[in-house]
Amino acid sequence: MSDEISSGKHKSLEKIKGVVEFRILLNGKQECVWTIDLRNSPGKVFEGKCPAGIKVNSTVTIDDEQFVKLCLGELDPIQGFMSRKFKVQGDIFDDAETEYSAERRAEKCSLINF
């Protein structure tokens, strides 16, 4: 995951501009925590909780099997969230939703004003 983020291939990650903490569960109990810091490009990934003094924008609680699927691209993040395969606390989707809504509004306007 660290190599993927630091490669800069995923331009959509630049829009997040925040810190995401993944709490990974094994048999329903917290096994480990990974933090992804996307405040500055290209971003950093490290094991453990976010250092004191840095605000965590979102916390994702996910089973280890679902986490692997998410990382491999086998689990769509939106579908996984909607089907309750993981929980999200915080505001990580705010920017994505705002952008999506703006695109949808523009699309609708262009259809009306053909």
PDB file of N, CA and C in Angstrom:
ATOM      1  N   MET A   1       0.835  -1.178   0.000  1.00  0.00           N
ATOM      2  CA  MET A   1       0.000   0.000   0.000  1.00  0.00           C
ATOM      3  C   MET A   1       0.890   1.256   0.000  1.00  0.00           C
ATOM      4  N   SER A   2       1.943   1.216   0.767  1.00  0.00           N
ATOM      5  CA  SER A   2       2.840   2.366   0.845  1.00  0.00           C
ATOM      6  C   SER A   2       3.426   2.701  -0.527  1.00  0.00           C
ATOM      7  N   ASP A   3       3.850   1.674  -1.259  1.00  0.00           N
ATOM      8  CA  ASP A   3       4.415   1.892  -2.596  1.00  0.00           C
ATOM      9  C   ASP A   3       3.383   2.495  -3.541  1.00  0.00           C
ATOM     10  N   GLU A   4       2.157   2.005  -3.468  1.00  0.00           N
ATOM     11  CA  GLU A   4       1.093   2.521  -4.330  1.00  0.00           C
ATOM     12  C   GLU A   4       0.817   3.993  -4.065  1.00  0.00           C
ATOM     13  N   ILE A   5       0.764   4.366  -2.804  1.00  0.00           N
ATOM     14  CA  ILE A   5       0.456   5.752  -2.457  1.00  0.00           C
ATOM     15  C   ILE A   5       1.615   6.665  -2.805  1.00  0.00           C
ATOM     16  N   SER A   6       2.834   6.248  -2.475  1.00  0.00           N
ATOM     17  CA  SER A   6       3.985   7.109  -2.735  1.00  0.00           C
ATOM     18  C   SER A   6       4.322   7.202  -4.220  1.00  0.00           C
ATOM     19  N   SER A   7       3.797   6.283  -5.047  1.00  0.00           N
ATOM     20  CA  SER A   7       4.067   6.319  -6.486  1.00  0.00           C
ATOM     21  C   SER A   7       3.402   7.520  -7.153  1.00  0.00           C
ATOM     22  N   GLY A   8       2.339   8.033  -6.548  1.00  0.00           N
ATOM     23  CA  GLY A   8       1.636   9.175  -7.134  1.00  0.00           C
ATOM     24  C   GLY A   8       0.725   8.795  -8.290  1.00  0.00           C
ATOM     25  N   LYS A   9       0.518   7.481  -8.515  1.00  0.00           N
ATOM     26  CA  LYS A   9      -0.331   7.022  -9.624  1.00  0.00           C
ATOM     27  C   LYS A   9      -1.799   7.336  -9.396  1.00  0.00           C
ATOM     28  N   HIS A  10      -2.194   7.422  -8.159  1.00  0.00           N
ATOM     29  CA  HIS A  10      -3.610   7.591  -7.838  1.00  0.00           C
ATOM     30  C   HIS A  10      -3.900   9.059  -7.559  1.00  0.00           C
ATOM     31  N   LYS A  11      -4.126   9.805  -8.597  1.00  0.00           N
ATOM     32  CA  LYS A  11      -4.351  11.249  -8.480  1.00  0.00           C
ATOM     33  C   LYS A  11      -5.579  11.572  -7.630  1.00  0.00           C
ATOM     34  N   SER A  12      -6.551  10.678  -7.577  1.00  0.00           N
ATOM     35  CA  SER A  12      -7.764  10.936  -6.789  1.00  0.00           C
ATOM     36  C   SER A  12      -7.449  11.044  -5.300  1.00  0.00           C
ATOM     37  N   LEU A  13      -6.353  10.419  -4.846  1.00  0.00           N
ATOM     38  CA  LEU A  13      -5.984  10.496  -3.440  1.00  0.00           C
ATOM     39  C   LEU A  13      -5.584  11.909  -3.033  1.00  0.00           C
ATOM     40  N   GLU A  14      -5.084  12.687  -3.993  1.00  0.00           N
ATOM     41  CA  GLU A  14      -4.669  14.057  -3.698  1.00  0.00           C
ATOM     42  C   GLU A  14      -5.849  14.913  -3.240  1.00  0.00           C
ATOM     43  N   LYS A  15      -7.050  14.535  -3.604  1.00  0.00           N
ATOM     44  CA  LYS A  15      -8.243  15.302  -3.242  1.00  0.00           C
ATOM     45  C   LYS A  15      -8.625  15.110  -1.782  1.00  0.00           C
ATOM     46  N   ILE A  16      -8.141  14.058  -1.152  1.00  0.00           N
ATOM     47  CA  ILE A  16      -8.546  13.753   0.217  1.00  0.00           C
ATOM     48  C   ILE A  16      -7.956  14.753   1.199  1.00  0.00           C
ATOM     49  N   LYS A  17      -6.684  15.038   1.089  1.00  0.00           N
ATOM     50  CA  LYS A  17      -6.016  16.045   1.928  1.00  0.00           C
ATOM     51  C   LYS A  17      -6.284  15.836   3.416  1.00  0.00           C
ATOM     52  N   GLY A  18      -6.154  14.617   3.874  1.00  0.00           N
ATOM     53  CA  GLY A  18      -6.407  14.344   5.280  1.00  0.00           C
ATOM     54  C   GLY A  18      -5.682  13.096   5.749  1.00  0.00           C
ATOM     55  N   VAL A  19      -6.019  12.668   6.946  1.00  0.00           N
ATOM     56  CA  VAL A  19      -5.404  11.499   7.565  1.00  0.00           C
ATOM     57  C   VAL A  19      -6.488  10.456   7.801  1.00  0.00           C
ATOM     58  N   VAL A  20      -6.221   9.237   7.346  1.00  0.00           N
ATOM     59  CA  VAL A  20      -7.162   8.127   7.503  1.00  0.00           C
ATOM     60  C   VAL A  20      -6.491   7.056   8.357  1.00  0.00           C
ATOM     61  N   GLU A  21      -7.196   6.626   9.382  1.00  0.00           N
ATOM     62  CA  GLU A  21      -6.683   5.573  10.251  1.00  0.00           C
ATOM     63  C   GLU A  21      -7.506   4.314  10.000  1.00  0.00           C
ATOM     64  N   PHE A  22      -6.835   3.213   9.676  1.00  0.00           N
ATOM     65  CA  PHE A  22      -7.501   1.932   9.459  1.00  0.00           C
ATOM     66  C   PHE A  22      -7.322   1.074  10.701  1.00  0.00           C
ATOM     67  N   ARG A  23      -8.437   0.700  11.316  1.00  0.00           N
ATOM     68  CA  ARG A  23      -8.419  -0.224  12.440  1.00  0.00           C
ATOM     69  C   ARG A  23      -8.820  -1.583  11.890  1.00  0.00           C
ATOM     70  N   ILE A  24      -7.852  -2.478  11.820  1.00  0.00           N
ATOM     71  CA  ILE A  24      -8.071  -3.774  11.185  1.00  0.00           C
ATOM     72  C   ILE A  24      -8.372  -4.819  12.253  1.00  0.00           C
ATOM     73  N   LEU A  25      -9.485  -5.528  12.024  1.00  0.00           N
ATOM     74  CA  LEU A  25      -9.976  -6.510  12.985  1.00  0.00           C
ATOM     75  C   LEU A  25      -9.640  -7.927  12.543  1.00  0.00           C
ATOM     76  N   LEU A  26      -9.337  -8.775  13.514  1.00  0.00           N
ATOM     77  CA  LEU A  26      -9.153 -10.201  13.283  1.00  0.00           C
ATOM     78  C   LEU A  26     -10.075 -10.906  14.263  1.00  0.00           C
ATOM     79  N   ASN A  27     -11.021 -11.683  13.726  1.00  0.00           N
ATOM     80  CA  ASN A  27     -12.028 -12.360  14.555  1.00  0.00           C
ATOM     81  C   ASN A  27     -12.795 -11.379  15.436  1.00  0.00           C
ATOM     82  N   GLY A  28     -13.081 -10.200  14.882  1.00  0.00           N
ATOM     83  CA  GLY A  28     -13.892  -9.222  15.586  1.00  0.00           C
ATOM     84  C   GLY A  28     -13.161  -8.366  16.604  1.00  0.00           C
ATOM     85  N   LYS A  29     -11.879  -8.606  16.808  1.00  0.00           N
ATOM     86  CA  LYS A  29     -11.102  -7.824  17.775  1.00  0.00           C
ATOM     87  C   LYS A  29     -10.013  -7.046  17.036  1.00  0.00           C
ATOM     88  N   GLN A  30      -9.735  -5.831  17.540  1.00  0.00           N
ATOM     89  CA  GLN A  30      -8.732  -4.996  16.882  1.00  0.00           C
ATOM     90  C   GLN A  30      -7.369  -5.669  16.928  1.00  0.00           C
ATOM     91  N   GLU A  31      -6.800  -5.863  15.759  1.00  0.00           N
ATOM     92  CA  GLU A  31      -5.510  -6.526  15.637  1.00  0.00           C
ATOM     93  C   GLU A  31      -4.385  -5.513  15.423  1.00  0.00           C
ATOM     94  N   CYS A  32      -4.623  -4.561  14.526  1.00  0.00           N
ATOM     95  CA  CYS A  32      -3.585  -3.571  14.256  1.00  0.00           C
ATOM     96  C   CYS A  32      -4.209  -2.292  13.697  1.00  0.00           C
ATOM     97  N   VAL A  33      -3.393  -1.249  13.649  1.00  0.00           N
ATOM     98  CA  VAL A  33      -3.820   0.045  13.133  1.00  0.00           C
ATOM     99  C   VAL A  33      -2.789   0.501  12.109  1.00  0.00           C
ATOM    100  N   TRP A  34      -3.275   0.965  10.969  1.00  0.00           N
ATOM    101  CA  TRP A  34      -2.422   1.566   9.949  1.00  0.00           C
ATOM    102  C   TRP A  34      -2.939   2.968   9.681  1.00  0.00           C
ATOM    103  N   THR A  35      -2.034   3.898   9.470  1.00  0.00           N
ATOM    104  CA  THR A  35      -2.402   5.281   9.223  1.00  0.00           C
ATOM    105  C   THR A  35      -1.903   5.698   7.847  1.00  0.00           C
ATOM    106  N   ILE A  36      -2.776   6.366   7.119  1.00  0.00           N
ATOM    107  CA  ILE A  36      -2.421   6.924   5.811  1.00  0.00           C
ATOM    108  C   ILE A  36      -2.544   8.438   5.932  1.00  0.00           C
ATOM    109  N   ASP A  37      -1.426   9.112   5.759  1.00  0.00           N
ATOM    110  CA  ASP A  37      -1.386  10.569   5.863  1.00  0.00           C
ATOM    111  C   ASP A  37      -1.325  11.143   4.452  1.00  0.00           C
ATOM    112  N   LEU A  38      -2.430  11.732   4.012  1.00  0.00           N
ATOM    113  CA  LEU A  38      -2.537  12.284   2.660  1.00  0.00           C
ATOM    114  C   LEU A  38      -2.626  13.813   2.682  1.00  0.00           C
ATOM    115  N   ARG A  39      -2.117  14.422   3.763  1.00  0.00           N
ATOM    116  CA  ARG A  39      -2.164  15.881   3.847  1.00  0.00           C
ATOM    117  C   ARG A  39      -1.260  16.524   2.817  1.00  0.00           C
ATOM    118  N   ASN A  40      -0.141  15.884   2.523  1.00  0.00           N
ATOM    119  CA  ASN A  40       0.806  16.401   1.539  1.00  0.00           C
ATOM    120  C   ASN A  40       1.115  15.308   0.536  1.00  0.00           C
ATOM    121  N   SER A  41       1.244  15.680  -0.731  1.00  0.00           N
ATOM    122  CA  SER A  41       1.548  14.714  -1.777  1.00  0.00           C
ATOM    123  C   SER A  41       3.005  14.273  -1.641  1.00  0.00           C
ATOM    124  N   PRO A  42       3.340  13.017  -1.840  1.00  0.00           N
ATOM    125  CA  PRO A  42       2.474  11.940  -2.292  1.00  0.00           C
ATOM    126  C   PRO A  42       1.771  11.200  -1.171  1.00  0.00           C
ATOM    127  N   GLY A  43       2.043  11.489   0.058  1.00  0.00           N
ATOM    128  CA  GLY A  43       1.403  10.806   1.173  1.00  0.00           C
ATOM    129  C   GLY A  43       2.327   9.795   1.823  1.00  0.00           C
ATOM    130  N   LYS A  44       1.952   9.363   3.023  1.00  0.00           N
ATOM    131  CA  LYS A  44       2.750   8.398   3.784  1.00  0.00           C
ATOM    132  C   LYS A  44       1.825   7.353   4.381  1.00  0.00           C
ATOM    133  N   VAL A  45       2.356   6.153   4.512  1.00  0.00           N
ATOM    134  CA  VAL A  45       1.634   5.061   5.172  1.00  0.00           C
ATOM    135  C   VAL A  45       2.547   4.522   6.266  1.00  0.00           C
ATOM    136  N   PHE A  46       1.989   4.335   7.459  1.00  0.00           N
ATOM    137  CA  PHE A  46       2.802   3.754   8.511  1.00  0.00           C
ATOM    138  C   PHE A  46       1.926   2.948   9.460  1.00  0.00           C
ATOM    139  N   GLU A  47       2.556   1.977  10.111  1.00  0.00           N
ATOM    140  CA  GLU A  47       1.838   1.150  11.077  1.00  0.00           C
ATOM    141  C   GLU A  47       1.723   1.906  12.388  1.00  0.00           C
ATOM    142  N   GLY A  48       0.562   1.824  12.984  1.00  0.00           N
ATOM    143  CA  GLY A  48       0.325   2.461  14.266  1.00  0.00           C
ATOM    144  C   GLY A  48      -0.641   3.619  14.151  1.00  0.00           C
ATOM    145  N   LYS A  49      -1.003   4.133  15.312  1.00  0.00           N
ATOM    146  CA  LYS A  49      -1.938   5.262  15.367  1.00  0.00           C
ATOM    147  C   LYS A  49      -1.249   6.540  14.921  1.00  0.00           C
ATOM    148  N   CYS A  50      -2.066   7.492  14.587  1.00  0.00           N
ATOM    149  CA  CYS A  50      -1.596   8.803  14.185  1.00  0.00           C
ATOM    150  C   CYS A  50      -0.871   9.465  15.363  1.00  0.00           C
ATOM    151  N   PRO A  51       0.284  10.102  15.116  1.00  0.00           N
ATOM    152  CA  PRO A  51       0.999  10.774  16.210  1.00  0.00           C
ATOM    153  C   PRO A  51       0.147  11.861  16.866  1.00  0.00           C
ATOM    154  N   ALA A  52       0.388  12.095  18.128  1.00  0.00           N
ATOM    155  CA  ALA A  52      -0.331  13.135  18.869  1.00  0.00           C
ATOM    156  C   ALA A  52      -0.140  14.476  18.182  1.00  0.00           C
ATOM    157  N   GLY A  53      -1.182  15.259  18.165  1.00  0.00           N
ATOM    158  CA  GLY A  53      -1.118  16.582  17.571  1.00  0.00           C
ATOM    159  C   GLY A  53      -1.540  16.629  16.119  1.00  0.00           C
ATOM    160  N   ILE A  54      -1.727  15.472  15.499  1.00  0.00           N
ATOM    161  CA  ILE A  54      -2.193  15.421  14.111  1.00  0.00           C
ATOM    162  C   ILE A  54      -3.626  14.915  14.117  1.00  0.00           C
ATOM    163  N   LYS A  55      -4.519  15.665  13.483  1.00  0.00           N
ATOM    164  CA  LYS A  55      -5.942  15.318  13.460  1.00  0.00           C
ATOM    165  C   LYS A  55      -6.209  14.170  12.494  1.00  0.00           C
ATOM    166  N   VAL A  56      -6.907  13.153  12.977  1.00  0.00           N
ATOM    167  CA  VAL A  56      -7.372  12.056  12.130  1.00  0.00           C
ATOM    168  C   VAL A  56      -8.710  12.498  11.555  1.00  0.00           C
ATOM    169  N   ASN A  57      -8.798  12.574  10.228  1.00  0.00           N
ATOM    170  CA  ASN A  57     -10.034  13.010   9.580  1.00  0.00           C
ATOM    171  C   ASN A  57     -11.066  11.900   9.487  1.00  0.00           C
ATOM    172  N   SER A  58     -10.590  10.667   9.384  1.00  0.00           N
ATOM    173  CA  SER A  58     -11.514   9.553   9.218  1.00  0.00           C
ATOM    174  C   SER A  58     -10.903   8.289   9.798  1.00  0.00           C
ATOM    175  N   THR A  59     -11.771   7.457  10.370  1.00  0.00           N
ATOM    176  CA  THR A  59     -11.352   6.166  10.898  1.00  0.00           C
ATOM    177  C   THR A  59     -12.180   5.092  10.211  1.00  0.00           C
ATOM    178  N   VAL A  60     -11.478   4.114   9.644  1.00  0.00           N
ATOM    179  CA  VAL A  60     -12.133   2.998   8.965  1.00  0.00           C
ATOM    180  C   VAL A  60     -11.897   1.752   9.812  1.00  0.00           C
ATOM    181  N   THR A  61     -12.979   1.104  10.225  1.00  0.00           N
ATOM    182  CA  THR A  61     -12.885  -0.142  10.974  1.00  0.00           C
ATOM    183  C   THR A  61     -13.312  -1.250  10.029  1.00  0.00           C
ATOM    184  N   ILE A  62     -12.402  -2.207   9.813  1.00  0.00           N
ATOM    185  CA  ILE A  62     -12.627  -3.204   8.772  1.00  0.00           C
ATOM    186  C   ILE A  62     -12.001  -4.540   9.170  1.00  0.00           C
ATOM    187  N   ASP A  63     -12.668  -5.620   8.807  1.00  0.00           N
ATOM    188  CA  ASP A  63     -12.170  -6.973   9.020  1.00  0.00           C
ATOM    189  C   ASP A  63     -10.947  -7.200   8.133  1.00  0.00           C
ATOM    190  N   ASP A  64     -10.006  -8.012   8.584  1.00  0.00           N
ATOM    191  CA  ASP A  64      -8.770  -8.229   7.835  1.00  0.00           C
ATOM    192  C   ASP A  64      -9.013  -8.756   6.417  1.00  0.00           C
ATOM    193  N   GLU A  65      -9.973  -9.647   6.242  1.00  0.00           N
ATOM    194  CA  GLU A  65     -10.255 -10.191   4.909  1.00  0.00           C
ATOM    195  C   GLU A  65     -10.798  -9.111   3.974  1.00  0.00           C
ATOM    196  N   GLN A  66     -11.677  -8.280   4.493  1.00  0.00           N
ATOM    197  CA  GLN A  66     -12.242  -7.192   3.679  1.00  0.00           C
ATOM    198  C   GLN A  66     -11.168  -6.146   3.356  1.00  0.00           C
ATOM    199  N   PHE A  67     -10.247  -5.915   4.295  1.00  0.00           N
ATOM    200  CA  PHE A  67      -9.161  -4.969   4.066  1.00  0.00           C
ATOM    201  C   PHE A  67      -8.285  -5.426   2.908  1.00  0.00           C
ATOM    202  N   VAL A  68      -7.964  -6.711   2.880  1.00  0.00           N
ATOM    203  CA  VAL A  68      -7.152  -7.254   1.787  1.00  0.00           C
ATOM    204  C   VAL A  68      -7.890  -7.073   0.462  1.00  0.00           C
ATOM    205  N   LYS A  69      -9.179  -7.385   0.433  1.00  0.00           N
ATOM    206  CA  LYS A  69      -9.969  -7.219  -0.783  1.00  0.00           C
ATOM    207  C   LYS A  69     -10.009  -5.758  -1.213  1.00  0.00           C
ATOM    208  N   LEU A  70     -10.139  -4.851  -0.252  1.00  0.00           N
ATOM    209  CA  LEU A  70     -10.160  -3.423  -0.550  1.00  0.00           C
ATOM    210  C   LEU A  70      -8.832  -2.997  -1.176  1.00  0.00           C
ATOM    211  N   CYS A  71      -7.725  -3.434  -0.607  1.00  0.00           N
ATOM    212  CA  CYS A  71      -6.399  -3.080  -1.112  1.00  0.00           C
ATOM    213  C   CYS A  71      -6.115  -3.672  -2.487  1.00  0.00           C
ATOM    214  N   LEU A  72      -6.650  -4.859  -2.739  1.00  0.00           N
ATOM    215  CA  LEU A  72      -6.430  -5.517  -4.033  1.00  0.00           C
ATOM    216  C   LEU A  72      -7.389  -5.020  -5.118  1.00  0.00           C
ATOM    217  N   GLY A  73      -8.324  -4.172  -4.738  1.00  0.00           N
ATOM    218  CA  GLY A  73      -9.296  -3.667  -5.699  1.00  0.00           C
ATOM    219  C   GLY A  73     -10.445  -4.615  -5.941  1.00  0.00           C
ATOM    220  N   GLU A  74     -10.569  -5.657  -5.120  1.00  0.00           N
ATOM    221  CA  GLU A  74     -11.650  -6.625  -5.260  1.00  0.00           C
ATOM    222  C   GLU A  74     -12.923  -6.166  -4.555  1.00  0.00           C
ATOM    223  N   LEU A  75     -12.802  -5.155  -3.702  1.00  0.00           N
ATOM    224  CA  LEU A  75     -13.953  -4.610  -2.987  1.00  0.00           C
ATOM    225  C   LEU A  75     -14.053  -3.132  -3.319  1.00  0.00           C
ATOM    226  N   ASP A  76     -15.142  -2.764  -3.970  1.00  0.00           N
ATOM    227  CA  ASP A  76     -15.382  -1.364  -4.285  1.00  0.00           C
ATOM    228  C   ASP A  76     -15.640  -0.615  -2.979  1.00  0.00           C
ATOM    229  N   PRO A  77     -14.932   0.496  -2.733  1.00  0.00           N
ATOM    230  CA  PRO A  77     -15.093   1.199  -1.453  1.00  0.00           C
ATOM    231  C   PRO A  77     -16.520   1.651  -1.164  1.00  0.00           C
ATOM    232  N   ILE A  78     -17.202   2.181  -2.152  1.00  0.00           N
ATOM    233  CA  ILE A  78     -18.564   2.661  -1.928  1.00  0.00           C
ATOM    234  C   ILE A  78     -19.509   1.486  -1.668  1.00  0.00           C
ATOM    235  N   GLN A  79     -19.400   0.441  -2.479  1.00  0.00           N
ATOM    236  CA  GLN A  79     -20.258  -0.729  -2.277  1.00  0.00           C
ATOM    237  C   GLN A  79     -19.963  -1.401  -0.941  1.00  0.00           C
ATOM    238  N   GLY A  80     -18.684  -1.471  -0.568  1.00  0.00           N
ATOM    239  CA  GLY A  80     -18.308  -2.063   0.711  1.00  0.00           C
ATOM    240  C   GLY A  80     -18.897  -1.299   1.879  1.00  0.00           C
ATOM    241  N   PHE A  81     -18.850   0.028   1.779  1.00  0.00           N
ATOM    242  CA  PHE A  81     -19.416   0.866   2.834  1.00  0.00           C
ATOM    243  C   PHE A  81     -20.930   0.711   2.892  1.00  0.00           C
ATOM    244  N   MET A  82     -21.570   0.769   1.732  1.00  0.00           N
ATOM    245  CA  MET A  82     -23.030   0.675   1.680  1.00  0.00           C
ATOM    246  C   MET A  82     -23.532  -0.695   2.145  1.00  0.00           C
ATOM    247  N   SER A  83     -22.752  -1.742   1.915  1.00  0.00           N
ATOM    248  CA  SER A  83     -23.174  -3.083   2.342  1.00  0.00           C
ATOM    249  C   SER A  83     -22.651  -3.436   3.742  1.00  0.00           C
ATOM    250  N   ARG A  84     -22.106  -2.423   4.441  1.00  0.00           N
ATOM    251  CA  ARG A  84     -21.654  -2.551   5.825  1.00  0.00           C
ATOM    252  C   ARG A  84     -20.528  -3.555   6.012  1.00  0.00           C
ATOM    253  N   LYS A  85     -19.672  -3.663   5.002  1.00  0.00           N
ATOM    254  CA  LYS A  85     -18.501  -4.528   5.145  1.00  0.00           C
ATOM    255  C   LYS A  85     -17.423  -3.844   5.973  1.00  0.00           C
ATOM    256  N   PHE A  86     -17.557  -2.528   6.137  1.00  0.00           N
ATOM    257  CA  PHE A  86     -16.691  -1.775   7.033  1.00  0.00           C
ATOM    258  C   PHE A  86     -17.417  -0.518   7.480  1.00  0.00           C
ATOM    259  N   LYS A  87     -16.905   0.089   8.544  1.00  0.00           N
ATOM    260  CA  LYS A  87     -17.502   1.303   9.088  1.00  0.00           C
ATOM    261  C   LYS A  87     -16.544   2.459   8.888  1.00  0.00           C
ATOM    262  N   VAL A  88     -17.101   3.624   8.646  1.00  0.00           N
ATOM    263  CA  VAL A  88     -16.297   4.834   8.493  1.00  0.00           C
ATOM    264  C   VAL A  88     -16.824   5.878   9.466  1.00  0.00           C
ATOM    265  N   GLN A  89     -15.921   6.445  10.238  1.00  0.00           N
ATOM    266  CA  GLN A  89     -16.256   7.557  11.115  1.00  0.00           C
ATOM    267  C   GLN A  89     -15.425   8.747  10.661  1.00  0.00           C
ATOM    268  N   GLY A  90     -16.052   9.892  10.543  1.00  0.00           N
ATOM    269  CA  GLY A  90     -15.315  11.077  10.128  1.00  0.00           C
ATOM    270  C   GLY A  90     -15.807  11.585   8.795  1.00  0.00           C
ATOM    271  N   ASP A  91     -14.986  12.397   8.154  1.00  0.00           N
ATOM    272  CA  ASP A  91     -15.429  13.124   6.970  1.00  0.00           C
ATOM    273  C   ASP A  91     -14.676  12.789   5.689  1.00  0.00           C
ATOM    274  N   ILE A  92     -14.151  11.595   5.553  1.00  0.00           N
ATOM    275  CA  ILE A  92     -13.334  11.250   4.392  1.00  0.00           C
ATOM    276  C   ILE A  92     -14.114  11.325   3.081  1.00  0.00           C
ATOM    277  N   PHE A  93     -15.414  11.088   3.120  1.00  0.00           N
ATOM    278  CA  PHE A  93     -16.192  11.082   1.886  1.00  0.00           C
ATOM    279  C   PHE A  93     -16.779  12.446   1.536  1.00  0.00           C
ATOM    280  N   ASP A  94     -16.615  13.433   2.393  1.00  0.00           N
ATOM    281  CA  ASP A  94     -17.194  14.750   2.129  1.00  0.00           C
ATOM    282  C   ASP A  94     -16.715  15.341   0.814  1.00  0.00           C
ATOM    283  N   ASP A  95     -15.393  15.351   0.589  1.00  0.00           N
ATOM    284  CA  ASP A  95     -14.860  15.928  -0.644  1.00  0.00           C
ATOM    285  C   ASP A  95     -15.320  15.148  -1.863  1.00  0.00           C
ATOM    286  N   ALA A  96     -15.285  13.827  -1.753  1.00  0.00           N
ATOM    287  CA  ALA A  96     -15.697  13.003  -2.893  1.00  0.00           C
ATOM    288  C   ALA A  96     -17.170  13.230  -3.203  1.00  0.00           C
ATOM    289  N   GLU A  97     -18.010  13.313  -2.184  1.00  0.00           N
ATOM    290  CA  GLU A  97     -19.442  13.521  -2.386  1.00  0.00           C
ATOM    291  C   GLU A  97     -19.706  14.903  -2.974  1.00  0.00           C
ATOM    292  N   THR A  98     -18.994  15.906  -2.485  1.00  0.00           N
ATOM    293  CA  THR A  98     -19.165  17.263  -3.008  1.00  0.00           C
ATOM    294  C   THR A  98     -18.796  17.307  -4.483  1.00  0.00           C
ATOM    295  N   GLU A  99     -17.672  16.677  -4.815  1.00  0.00           N
ATOM    296  CA  GLU A  99     -17.235  16.665  -6.211  1.00  0.00           C
ATOM    297  C   GLU A  99     -18.239  15.909  -7.082  1.00  0.00           C
ATOM    298  N   TYR A 100     -18.701  14.761  -6.599  1.00  0.00           N
ATOM    299  CA  TYR A 100     -19.662  13.960  -7.342  1.00  0.00           C
ATOM    300  C   TYR A 100     -20.949  14.752  -7.568  1.00  0.00           C
ATOM    301  N   SER A 101     -21.432  15.403  -6.516  1.00  0.00           N
ATOM    302  CA  SER A 101     -22.668  16.173  -6.626  1.00  0.00           C
ATOM    303  C   SER A 101     -22.522  17.312  -7.628  1.00  0.00           C
ATOM    304  N   ALA A 102     -21.386  17.982  -7.619  1.00  0.00           N
ATOM    305  CA  ALA A 102     -21.151  19.078  -8.551  1.00  0.00           C
ATOM    306  C   ALA A 102     -21.126  18.559  -9.988  1.00  0.00           C
ATOM    307  N   GLU A 103     -20.490  17.415 -10.189  1.00  0.00           N
ATOM    308  CA  GLU A 103     -20.445  16.823 -11.531  1.00  0.00           C
ATOM    309  C   GLU A 103     -21.849  16.439 -11.993  1.00  0.00           C
ATOM    310  N   ARG A 104     -22.631  15.841 -11.102  1.00  0.00           N
ATOM    311  CA  ARG A 104     -23.993  15.431 -11.449  1.00  0.00           C
ATOM    312  C   ARG A 104     -24.862  16.645 -11.789  1.00  0.00           C
ATOM    313  N   ARG A 105     -24.711  17.732 -11.004  1.00  0.00           N
ATOM    314  CA  ARG A 105     -25.486  18.944 -11.288  1.00  0.00           C
ATOM    315  C   ARG A 105     -25.105  19.512 -12.645  1.00  0.00           C
ATOM    316  N   ALA A 106     -23.816  19.540 -12.941  1.00  0.00           N
ATOM    317  CA  ALA A 106     -23.351  20.063 -14.230  1.00  0.00           C
ATOM    318  C   ALA A 106     -23.878  19.190 -15.368  1.00  0.00           C
ATOM    319  N   GLU A 107     -23.873  17.888 -15.152  1.00  0.00           N
ATOM    320  CA  GLU A 107     -24.372  16.965 -16.162  1.00  0.00           C
ATOM    321  C   GLU A 107     -25.862  17.193 -16.412  1.00  0.00           C
ATOM    322  N   LYS A 108     -26.621  17.350 -15.353  1.00  0.00           N
ATOM    323  CA  LYS A 108     -28.060  17.594 -15.495  1.00  0.00           C
ATOM    324  C   LYS A 108     -28.319  18.914 -16.213  1.00  0.00           C
ATOM    325  N   CYS A 109     -27.549  19.945 -15.872  1.00  0.00           N
ATOM    326  CA  CYS A 109     -27.723  21.258 -16.509  1.00  0.00           C
ATOM    327  C   CYS A 109     -27.435  21.169 -18.009  1.00  0.00           C
ATOM    328  N   SER A 110     -26.391  20.411 -18.373  1.00  0.00           N
ATOM    329  CA  SER A 110     -26.064  20.307 -19.784  1.00  0.00           C
ATOM    330  C   SER A 110     -27.153  19.547 -20.547  1.00  0.00           C
ATOM    331  N   LEU A 111     -27.828  18.607 -19.885  1.00  0.00           N
ATOM    332  CA  LEU A 111     -28.918  17.878 -20.522  1.00  0.00           C
ATOM    333  C   LEU A 111     -30.125  18.797 -20.708  1.00  0.00           C
ATOM    334  N   ILE A 112     -30.366  19.655 -19.743  1.00  0.00           N
ATOM    335  CA  ILE A 112     -31.513  20.565 -19.839  1.00  0.00           C
ATOM    336  C   ILE A 112     -31.286  21.640 -20.902  1.00  0.00           C
ATOM    337  N   ASN A 113     -30.048  22.126 -20.991  1.00  0.00           N
ATOM    338  CA  ASN A 113     -29.727  23.224 -21.891  1.00  0.00           C
ATOM    339  C   ASN A 113     -29.182  22.764 -23.238  1.00  0.00           C
ATOM    340  N   PHE A 114     -29.525  21.571 -23.679  1.00  0.00           N
ATOM    341  CA  PHE A 114     -28.969  21.036 -24.920  1.00  0.00           C
ATOM    342  C   PHE A 114     -29.095  22.051 -26.013  1.00  0.00           C
TER     343      PHE A 114
END
